C-alpha atoms as a PDB file:
ATOM      1  CA  MET A   1     178.587 127.867 118.175  1.00  0.00           C
ATOM      2  CA  LYS A   2     176.037 126.676 120.956  1.00  0.00           C
ATOM      3  CA  LYS A   3     174.591 129.775 120.853  1.00  0.00           C
ATOM      4  CA  ILE A   4     173.978 130.024 117.344  1.00  0.00           C
ATOM      5  CA  CYS A   5     172.477 126.686 117.399  1.00  0.00           C
ATOM      6  CA  LEU A   6     170.547 127.625 119.977  1.00  0.00           C
ATOM      7  CA  MET A   7     169.213 131.050 118.130  1.00  0.00           C
ATOM      8  CA  PHE A   8     168.676 129.086 114.985  1.00  0.00           C
ATOM      9  CA  VAL A   9     166.378 126.746 116.717  1.00  0.00           C
ATOM     10  CA  LEU A  10     163.991 129.718 118.515  1.00  0.00           C
ATOM     11  CA  PHE A  11     164.458 131.319 114.817  1.00  0.00           C
ATOM     12  CA  LEU A  12     162.779 127.857 113.264  1.00  0.00           C
ATOM     13  CA  SER A  13     159.782 127.937 116.161  1.00  0.00           C
ATOM     14  CA  PHE A  14     159.033 131.116 115.448  1.00  0.00           C
ATOM     15  CA  VAL A  15     158.781 130.491 111.821  1.00  0.00           C
ATOM     16  CA  ALA A  16     156.735 127.528 112.188  1.00  0.00           C
ATOM     17  CA  THR A  17     154.275 129.162 114.874  1.00  0.00           C
ATOM     18  CA  ILE A  18     153.982 132.329 112.822  1.00  0.00           C
ATOM     19  CA  THR A  19     153.042 129.534 109.612  1.00  0.00           C
ATOM     20  CA  ALA A  20     150.820 127.850 111.926  1.00  0.00           C
ATOM     21  CA  GLN A  21     149.469 131.233 112.452  1.00  0.00           C
ATOM     22  CA  ASP A  22     148.880 131.877 108.886  1.00  0.00           C
ATOM     23  CA  ALA A  23     147.349 128.675 107.940  1.00  0.00           C
ATOM     24  CA  ASP A  24     144.929 129.055 110.680  1.00  0.00           C
ATOM     25  CA  ALA A  25     143.736 132.536 109.687  1.00  0.00           C
ATOM     26  CA  ILE A  26     143.052 131.567 106.067  1.00  0.00           C
ATOM     27  CA  MET A  27     141.167 128.282 106.687  1.00  0.00           C
ATOM     28  CA  GLN A  28     139.160 130.833 108.983  1.00  0.00           C
ATOM     29  CA  LYS A  29     138.412 133.226 106.022  1.00  0.00           C
ATOM     30  CA  VAL A  30     137.278 129.531 103.723  1.00  0.00           C
ATOM     31  CA  LYS A  31     134.910 129.632 106.266  1.00  0.00           C
ATOM     32  CA  ASP A  32     133.815 133.245 106.655  1.00  0.00           C
ATOM     33  CA  THR A  33     133.605 133.141 102.734  1.00  0.00           C
ATOM     34  CA  MET A  34     132.049 130.072 102.181  1.00  0.00           C
ATOM     35  CA  GLY A  35     128.987 130.930 104.845  1.00  0.00           C
ATOM     36  CA  GLY A  36     129.115 127.495 105.791  1.00  0.00           C
ATOM     37  CA  PHE A  37     128.673 125.467 102.925  1.00  0.00           C
ATOM     38  CA  GLY A  38     129.357 121.909 103.964  1.00  0.00           C
ATOM     39  CA  SER A  39     128.991 122.303 107.772  1.00  0.00           C
ATOM     40  CA  GLY A  40     126.966 124.672 110.016  1.00  0.00           C
ATOM     41  CA  GLY A  41     122.662 125.354 109.582  1.00  0.00           C
ATOM     42  CA  SER A  42     120.913 122.994 107.454  1.00  0.00           C
ATOM     43  CA  MET A  43     121.473 122.397 103.744  1.00  0.00           C
ATOM     44  CA  GLY A  44     119.765 120.444 101.024  1.00  0.00           C
ATOM     45  CA  SER A  45     120.688 119.705  97.018  1.00  0.00           C
ATOM     46  CA  ARG A  46     119.461 117.957  94.474  1.00  0.00           C
ATOM     47  CA  ASP A  47     122.836 116.591  92.518  1.00  0.00           C
ATOM     48  CA  THR A  48     123.754 114.745  89.413  1.00  0.00           C
ATOM     49  CA  ILE A  49     126.897 112.431  89.321  1.00  0.00           C
ATOM     50  CA  VAL A  50     128.971 111.234  86.883  1.00  0.00           C
ATOM     51  CA  VAL A  51     131.706 108.604  86.652  1.00  0.00           C
ATOM     52  CA  THR A  52     134.233 108.697  83.283  1.00  0.00           C
ATOM     53  CA  ASP A  53     136.614 105.612  82.867  1.00  0.00           C
ATOM     54  CA  LYS A  54     140.383 105.802  82.084  1.00  0.00           C
ATOM     55  CA  ASN A  55     139.302 105.253  78.290  1.00  0.00           C
ATOM     56  CA  GLY A  56     137.015 108.772  78.617  1.00  0.00           C
ATOM     57  CA  ASN A  57     133.619 106.619  78.835  1.00  0.00           C
ATOM     58  CA  LYS A  58     130.920 108.204  80.574  1.00  0.00           C
ATOM     59  CA  GLY A  59     129.122 106.261  82.912  1.00  0.00           C
ATOM     60  CA  ALA A  60     125.166 106.667  83.197  1.00  0.00           C
ATOM     61  CA  ALA A  61     124.312 109.879  85.405  1.00  0.00           C
ATOM     62  CA  MET A  62     123.120 109.270  88.793  1.00  0.00           C
ATOM     63  CA  THR A  63     121.023 111.636  90.233  1.00  0.00           C
ATOM     64  CA  ILE A  64     120.766 112.067  94.287  1.00  0.00           C
ATOM     65  CA  ASP A  65     119.297 114.041  97.243  1.00  0.00           C
ATOM     66  CA  GLN A  66     121.267 115.367  99.568  1.00  0.00           C
ATOM     67  CA  PHE A  67     121.127 116.659 103.477  1.00  0.00           C
ATOM     68  CA  SER A  68     123.253 118.099 105.897  1.00  0.00           C
ATOM     69  CA  LYS A  69     122.512 119.216 108.950  1.00  0.00           C
ATOM     70  CA  GLU A  70     124.440 120.055 112.899  1.00  0.00           C
ATOM     71  CA  ASP A  71     123.617 118.571 115.810  1.00  0.00           C
ATOM     72  CA  ALA A  72     123.088 120.234 119.604  1.00  0.00           C
ATOM     73  CA  ASN A  73     126.816 119.791 119.544  1.00  0.00           C
ATOM     74  CA  GLY A  74     127.843 121.235 116.461  1.00  0.00           C
ATOM     75  CA  ASN A  75     128.614 117.773 114.810  1.00  0.00           C
ATOM     76  CA  ALA A  76     128.380 117.572 110.157  1.00  0.00           C
ATOM     77  CA  ARG A  77     125.375 114.906 109.681  1.00  0.00           C
ATOM     78  CA  THR A  78     125.021 114.358 105.956  1.00  0.00           C
ATOM     79  CA  VAL A  79     122.286 112.021 104.360  1.00  0.00           C
ATOM     80  CA  VAL A  80     122.825 110.760 100.777  1.00  0.00           C
ATOM     81  CA  GLN A  81     119.948 109.248  98.723  1.00  0.00           C
ATOM     82  CA  PHE A  82     119.751 107.974  95.265  1.00  0.00           C
ATOM     83  CA  LEU A  83     117.134 108.445  93.390  1.00  0.00           C
ATOM     84  CA  ALA A  84     117.973 107.009  90.033  1.00  0.00           C
ATOM     85  CA  PRO A  85     118.825 105.349  87.912  1.00  0.00           C
ATOM     86  CA  PRO A  86     116.977 102.576  88.887  1.00  0.00           C
ATOM     87  CA  ALA A  87     120.072 100.285  89.837  1.00  0.00           C
ATOM     88  CA  GLN A  88     120.537 102.654  92.129  1.00  0.00           C
ATOM     89  CA  ALA A  89     117.299 104.265  93.242  1.00  0.00           C
ATOM     90  CA  LYS A  90     116.186 104.338  96.875  1.00  0.00           C
ATOM     91  CA  THR A  91     119.945 103.369  98.119  1.00  0.00           C
ATOM     92  CA  ARG A  92     121.096 105.340 101.315  1.00  0.00           C
ATOM     93  CA  PHE A  93     124.136 107.139 102.715  1.00  0.00           C
ATOM     94  CA  LEU A  94     124.515 108.576 106.423  1.00  0.00           C
ATOM     95  CA  THR A  95     127.600 109.633 107.842  1.00  0.00           C
ATOM     96  CA  LYS A  96     127.562 111.687 111.490  1.00  0.00           C
ATOM     97  CA  ASP A  97     130.552 113.282 112.722  1.00  0.00           C
ATOM     98  CA  ASN A  98     131.710 111.301 116.007  1.00  0.00           C
ATOM     99  CA  GLY A  99     133.006 114.397 117.674  1.00  0.00           C
ATOM    100  CA  LYS A 100     136.663 112.488 117.670  1.00  0.00           C
ATOM    101  CA  GLY A 101     138.120 113.359 114.298  1.00  0.00           C
ATOM    102  CA  GLY A 102     135.962 110.965 112.990  1.00  0.00           C
ATOM    103  CA  SER A 103     132.606 109.729 111.721  1.00  0.00           C
ATOM    104  CA  ASP A 104     130.070 106.799 112.054  1.00  0.00           C
ATOM    105  CA  GLN A 105     128.463 105.724 108.401  1.00  0.00           C
ATOM    106  CA  TRP A 106     125.868 103.217 107.613  1.00  0.00           C
ATOM    107  CA  ILE A 107     124.573 102.518 103.985  1.00  0.00           C
ATOM    108  CA  TYR A 108     121.080 101.292 102.989  1.00  0.00           C
ATOM    109  CA  LEU A 109     121.625  98.394  99.734  1.00  0.00           C
ATOM    110  CA  PRO A 110     117.831  97.668  98.890  1.00  0.00           C
ATOM    111  CA  SER A 111     119.066  94.614  97.014  1.00  0.00           C
ATOM    112  CA  LEU A 112     119.533  93.448 100.422  1.00  0.00           C
ATOM    113  CA  ASN A 113     116.769  95.496 102.369  1.00  0.00           C
ATOM    114  CA  LYS A 114     119.387  95.937 105.350  1.00  0.00           C
ATOM    115  CA  VAL A 115     120.665  98.958 106.999  1.00  0.00           C
ATOM    116  CA  ARG A 116     124.560  98.359 107.155  1.00  0.00           C
ATOM    117  CA  ARG A 117     127.202 100.130 109.094  1.00  0.00           C
ATOM    118  CA  ILE A 118     130.303 101.109 107.140  1.00  0.00           C
ATOM    119  CA  ALA A 119     133.101  99.722 109.403  1.00  0.00           C
ATOM    120  CA  SER A 120     136.388 101.907 109.780  1.00  0.00           C
ATOM    121  CA  SER A 121     138.625  99.477 107.998  1.00  0.00           C
ATOM    122  CA  GLU A 122     136.144 100.266 104.928  1.00  0.00           C
ATOM    123  CA  SER A 123     136.023 103.787 104.667  1.00  0.00           C
ATOM    124  CA  GLY A 124     138.135 104.318 101.827  1.00  0.00           C
ATOM    125  CA  GLY A 125     136.533 102.075  99.557  1.00  0.00           C
ATOM    126  CA  SER A 126     134.907 102.977  97.005  1.00  0.00           C
ATOM    127  CA  PHE A 127     131.225 105.128  97.100  1.00  0.00           C
ATOM    128  CA  MET A 128     129.011 103.744  94.525  1.00  0.00           C
ATOM    129  CA  GLY A 129     131.197 102.689  92.280  1.00  0.00           C
ATOM    130  CA  THR A 130     132.441 106.116  91.899  1.00  0.00           C
ATOM    131  CA  ASP A 131     135.866 108.110  92.858  1.00  0.00           C
ATOM    132  CA  PHE A 132     134.760 109.096  95.738  1.00  0.00           C
ATOM    133  CA  SER A 133     135.664 106.966  99.192  1.00  0.00           C
ATOM    134  CA  TYR A 134     133.308 107.083 101.970  1.00  0.00           C
ATOM    135  CA  ASP A 135     135.153 108.940 103.897  1.00  0.00           C
ATOM    136  CA  ASP A 136     135.279 111.801 100.685  1.00  0.00           C
ATOM    137  CA  MET A 137     131.456 112.174 100.705  1.00  0.00           C
ATOM    138  CA  SER A 138     132.133 114.284 103.996  1.00  0.00           C
ATOM    139  CA  ILE A 139     135.529 115.773 103.395  1.00  0.00           C
ATOM    140  CA  THR A 140     133.935 119.159 103.044  1.00  0.00           C
ATOM    141  CA  SER A 141     132.289 119.082 106.020  1.00  0.00           C
ATOM    142  CA  ARG A 142     135.495 117.847 107.643  1.00  0.00           C
ATOM    143  CA  ASP A 143     136.420 120.345 110.625  1.00  0.00           C
ATOM    144  CA  THR A 144     140.260 121.405 110.146  1.00  0.00           C
ATOM    145  CA  ASP A 145     140.168 122.019 113.421  1.00  0.00           C
ATOM    146  CA  ASP A 146     141.074 117.811 113.482  1.00  0.00           C
ATOM    147  CA  ASP A 147     143.954 118.617 112.036  1.00  0.00           C
ATOM    148  CA  THR A 148     147.655 119.904 112.270  1.00  0.00           C
ATOM    149  CA  LYS A 149     147.670 122.631 109.352  1.00  0.00           C
ATOM    150  CA  THR A 150     150.754 124.907 108.029  1.00  0.00           C
ATOM    151  CA  LYS A 151     151.033 127.401 105.616  1.00  0.00           C
ATOM    152  CA  LEU A 152     153.006 126.067 102.488  1.00  0.00           C
ATOM    153  CA  ALA A 153     154.639 127.838  99.207  1.00  0.00           C
ATOM    154  CA  ASP A 154     151.906 129.741  96.760  1.00  0.00           C
ATOM    155  CA  GLY A 155     150.433 128.214  94.313  1.00  0.00           C
ATOM    156  CA  THR A 156     147.772 128.351  91.475  1.00  0.00           C
ATOM    157  CA  ALA A 157     144.543 126.274  90.436  1.00  0.00           C
ATOM    158  CA  ASP A 158     142.467 127.203  87.902  1.00  0.00           C
ATOM    159  CA  GLY A 159     144.373 129.617  87.030  1.00  0.00           C
ATOM    160  CA  LYS A 160     144.013 131.881  90.022  1.00  0.00           C
ATOM    161  CA  ALA A 161     146.819 132.927  92.492  1.00  0.00           C
ATOM    162  CA  CYS A 162     146.589 130.697  96.131  1.00  0.00           C
ATOM    163  CA  PHE A 163     147.558 129.983  98.997  1.00  0.00           C
ATOM    164  CA  VAL A 164     148.339 126.521  99.910  1.00  0.00           C
ATOM    165  CA  VAL A 165     147.837 125.271 103.356  1.00  0.00           C
ATOM    166  CA  GLN A 166     148.695 121.734 104.137  1.00  0.00           C
ATOM    167  CA  SER A 167     146.485 119.607 106.111  1.00  0.00           C
ATOM    168  CA  VAL A 168     147.506 116.718 108.633  1.00  0.00           C
ATOM    169  CA  PRO A 169     144.412 114.592 110.446  1.00  0.00           C
ATOM    170  CA  LYS A 170     145.468 113.964 114.023  1.00  0.00           C
ATOM    171  CA  ASP A 171     143.243 111.066 113.455  1.00  0.00           C
ATOM    172  CA  SER A 172     146.111 108.690 112.477  1.00  0.00           C
ATOM    173  CA  ASP A 173     142.881 106.280 110.997  1.00  0.00           C
ATOM    174  CA  TYR A 174     142.193 108.676 108.641  1.00  0.00           C
ATOM    175  CA  GLN A 175     142.892 107.767 105.051  1.00  0.00           C
ATOM    176  CA  TYR A 176     144.527 110.359 103.735  1.00  0.00           C
ATOM    177  CA  GLN A 177     147.826 111.562 105.588  1.00  0.00           C
ATOM    178  CA  LYS A 178     147.896 114.700 104.468  1.00  0.00           C
ATOM    179  CA  MET A 179     145.807 117.304 102.286  1.00  0.00           C
ATOM    180  CA  LEU A 180     146.734 120.212 100.294  1.00  0.00           C
ATOM    181  CA  TYR A 181     144.255 123.542 100.384  1.00  0.00           C
ATOM    182  CA  PHE A 182     144.227 125.865  97.020  1.00  0.00           C
ATOM    183  CA  VAL A 183     142.622 129.002  99.060  1.00  0.00           C
ATOM    184  CA  GLY A 184     141.986 132.110  96.605  1.00  0.00           C
ATOM    185  CA  LYS A 185     144.442 135.331  97.346  1.00  0.00           C
ATOM    186  CA  ASP A 186     141.500 137.328  96.192  1.00  0.00           C
ATOM    187  CA  ASP A 187     138.342 135.694  97.062  1.00  0.00           C
ATOM    188  CA  SER A 188     138.866 132.585 100.239  1.00  0.00           C
ATOM    189  CA  LEU A 189     137.323 130.410  97.926  1.00  0.00           C
ATOM    190  CA  VAL A 190     138.550 126.301  97.946  1.00  0.00           C
ATOM    191  CA  TYR A 191     139.621 125.781  94.109  1.00  0.00           C
ATOM    192  CA  LYS A 192     141.554 122.413  94.415  1.00  0.00           C
ATOM    193  CA  ILE A 193     142.538 119.711  97.624  1.00  0.00           C
ATOM    194  CA  GLU A 194     145.182 117.196  96.989  1.00  0.00           C
ATOM    195  CA  LEU A 195     144.348 114.033  99.012  1.00  0.00           C
ATOM    196  CA  TYR A 196     148.045 112.023  99.854  1.00  0.00           C
ATOM    197  CA  LYS A 197     147.491 108.651 101.374  1.00  0.00           C
ATOM    198  CA  ASN A 198     150.867 108.647 102.398  1.00  0.00           C
ATOM    199  CA  SER A 199     152.626 112.182 103.409  1.00  0.00           C
ATOM    200  CA  ASN A 200     155.652 111.745 101.363  1.00  0.00           C
ATOM    201  CA  ASP A 201     154.397 110.847  98.216  1.00  0.00           C
ATOM    202  CA  ALA A 202     155.509 112.846  95.466  1.00  0.00           C
ATOM    203  CA  ASN A 203     152.256 112.626  93.546  1.00  0.00           C
ATOM    204  CA  ALA A 204     148.520 113.141  95.534  1.00  0.00           C
ATOM    205  CA  THR A 205     146.560 109.849  95.424  1.00  0.00           C
ATOM    206  CA  LYS A 206     143.387 111.827  94.785  1.00  0.00           C
ATOM    207  CA  ILE A 207     142.555 116.072  93.648  1.00  0.00           C
ATOM    208  CA  MET A 208     138.944 117.255  94.057  1.00  0.00           C
ATOM    209  CA  GLU A 209     138.471 120.626  92.222  1.00  0.00           C
ATOM    210  CA  LEU A 210     135.421 123.188  92.913  1.00  0.00           C
ATOM    211  CA  SER A 211     133.826 125.349  90.932  1.00  0.00           C
ATOM    212  CA  GLY A 212     130.918 126.949  90.122  1.00  0.00           C
ATOM    213  CA  TYR A 213     130.957 129.072  92.592  1.00  0.00           C
ATOM    214  CA  GLN A 214     127.309 131.256  93.012  1.00  0.00           C
ATOM    215  CA  ALA A 215     126.289 133.014  95.497  1.00  0.00           C
ATOM    216  CA  ASP A 216     123.331 131.196  97.250  1.00  0.00           C
ATOM    217  CA  LYS A 217     121.333 133.047  99.864  1.00  0.00           C
ATOM    218  CA  GLY A 218     119.905 131.841 102.554  1.00  0.00           C
ATOM    219  CA  LYS A 219     116.292 132.543 104.395  1.00  0.00           C
ATOM    220  CA  ASP A 220     118.411 134.800 106.849  1.00  0.00           C
ATOM    221  CA  GLY A 221     120.027 136.090 104.353  1.00  0.00           C
ATOM    222  CA  THR A 222     122.964 134.906 104.333  1.00  0.00           C
ATOM    223  CA  VAL A 223     125.424 134.464 101.639  1.00  0.00           C
ATOM    224  CA  HIS A 224     126.931 131.451 100.673  1.00  0.00           C
ATOM    225  CA  MET A 225     129.475 131.173  98.273  1.00  0.00           C
ATOM    226  CA  THR A 226     128.772 127.407  96.926  1.00  0.00           C
ATOM    227  CA  PRO A 227     130.592 125.584  94.715  1.00  0.00           C
ATOM    228  CA  HIS A 228     127.994 123.895  92.024  1.00  0.00           C
ATOM    229  CA  SER A 229     130.586 121.104  90.497  1.00  0.00           C
ATOM    230  CA  MET A 230     132.823 118.874  92.513  1.00  0.00           C
ATOM    231  CA  LYS A 231     134.974 116.917  90.323  1.00  0.00           C
ATOM    232  CA  ILE A 232     137.177 114.082  92.072  1.00  0.00           C
ATOM    233  CA  SER A 233     140.171 112.121  89.858  1.00  0.00           C
ATOM    234  CA  THR A 234     141.723 109.487  91.392  1.00  0.00           C
ATOM    235  CA  VAL A 235     145.440 109.770  89.438  1.00  0.00           C
ATOM    236  CA  ALA A 236     146.469 106.309  89.339  1.00  0.00           C
ATOM    237  CA  ALA A 237     143.673 105.036  87.842  1.00  0.00           C
ATOM    238  CA  GLY A 238     143.202 107.835  85.581  1.00  0.00           C
ATOM    239  CA  THR A 239     139.031 107.481  86.203  1.00  0.00           C
ATOM    240  CA  ASN A 240     137.618 111.110  87.579  1.00  0.00           C
ATOM    241  CA  THR A 241     133.569 111.361  89.154  1.00  0.00           C
ATOM    242  CA  VAL A 242     131.913 115.186  88.324  1.00  0.00           C
ATOM    243  CA  ILE A 243     128.903 115.963  91.181  1.00  0.00           C
ATOM    244  CA  THR A 244     127.130 118.638  89.567  1.00  0.00           C
ATOM    245  CA  MET A 245     124.522 120.701  92.056  1.00  0.00           C
ATOM    246  CA  ASN A 246     121.557 121.289  90.302  1.00  0.00           C
ATOM    247  CA  ARG A 247     119.658 123.385  92.788  1.00  0.00           C
ATOM    248  CA  VAL A 248     120.740 123.899  96.733  1.00  0.00           C
ATOM    249  CA  GLU A 249     118.590 125.180  99.861  1.00  0.00           C
ATOM    250  CA  TYR A 250     119.936 126.561 102.751  1.00  0.00           C
ATOM    251  CA  ASP A 251     118.134 126.762 106.359  1.00  0.00           C
ATOM    252  CA  MET A 252     116.035 124.249 105.484  1.00  0.00           C
ATOM    253  CA  ASN A 253     113.642 122.516 108.165  1.00  0.00           C
ATOM    254  CA  ILE A 254     114.773 118.668 108.025  1.00  0.00           C
ATOM    255  CA  PRO A 255     113.692 116.821 110.608  1.00  0.00           C
ATOM    256  CA  GLU A 256     115.863 115.078 113.046  1.00  0.00           C
ATOM    257  CA  GLY A 257     114.842 111.669 112.054  1.00  0.00           C
ATOM    258  CA  VAL A 258     116.079 111.956 108.434  1.00  0.00           C
ATOM    259  CA  PHE A 259     119.553 111.378 110.357  1.00  0.00           C
ATOM    260  CA  ASP A 260     118.558 108.218 111.951  1.00  0.00           C
ATOM    261  CA  THR A 261     119.248 105.140 110.682  1.00  0.00           C
ATOM    262  CA  ASP A 262     115.643 103.928 110.630  1.00  0.00           C
ATOM    263  CA  TYR A 263     115.228 106.601 107.797  1.00  0.00           C
ATOM    264  CA  LEU A 264     117.665 105.032 105.787  1.00  0.00           C
ATOM    265  CA  GLN A 265     115.475 101.628 105.401  1.00  0.00           C
ATOM    266  CA  THR A 266     112.243 103.512 105.273  1.00  0.00           C
ATOM    267  CA  GLY A 267     112.553 106.932 103.917  1.00  0.00           C
ATOM    268  CA  ARG A 268     110.448 108.083 106.240  1.00  0.00           C
ATOM    269  CA  ALA A 269     111.283 110.528 109.131  1.00  0.00           C
ATOM    270  CA  ARG A 270     110.012 109.490 112.631  1.00  0.00           C
END
């Protein structure tokens, strides 16, 4: 009996190893196929944000610019600045991966005329009244090497057959205890991400859906498969927020000063 038990344990260990390798390979294929969307190199976009409440009422459209660029150590950095409506205009937000599986974040609110650092305890809070939290704003640039990945049973998303990869953050302070990525079997594109506040929850806390993929080319000719629509829904509240990418540019020449807190307040890069 002991031999049988030992063989069973060894078998389970072998299966777990293969499953992890499969999951790593799937997510690496995603990176290769999407050509660095959300991380790697530099990119900028002009986007529209629309929030829909639980009754189906849509709020005023917000217009933002986003600029992203890795630092010398390969850590992602993103600046979001609001252009409209007037109540949100000149609000600016900066997030920087800290290389430890987390990020450092700051926001400038014109009404206060000061830059405020976002405490780690606030990172799960609503970003500008949307369904996105502060952490959600950089989730597509999250390095999946910061997570332990496992391939689960296949699923579907947006009517497509998908691999499902469970990703569990190694950082216990991250706002989600697990994330499920739905990756198209035919194209290695992410169509849905289920976000769970607690790993034992039966239902996701939020669901992010990516669609409207386009083959956008960088200046060097690299093709970046880019989702031009990103919808995030807060399941219990019945609300959702859609970000529509109106235009995008890869390999932008973005000054380093854009990713400094001084830029948040002045809007000018040194």
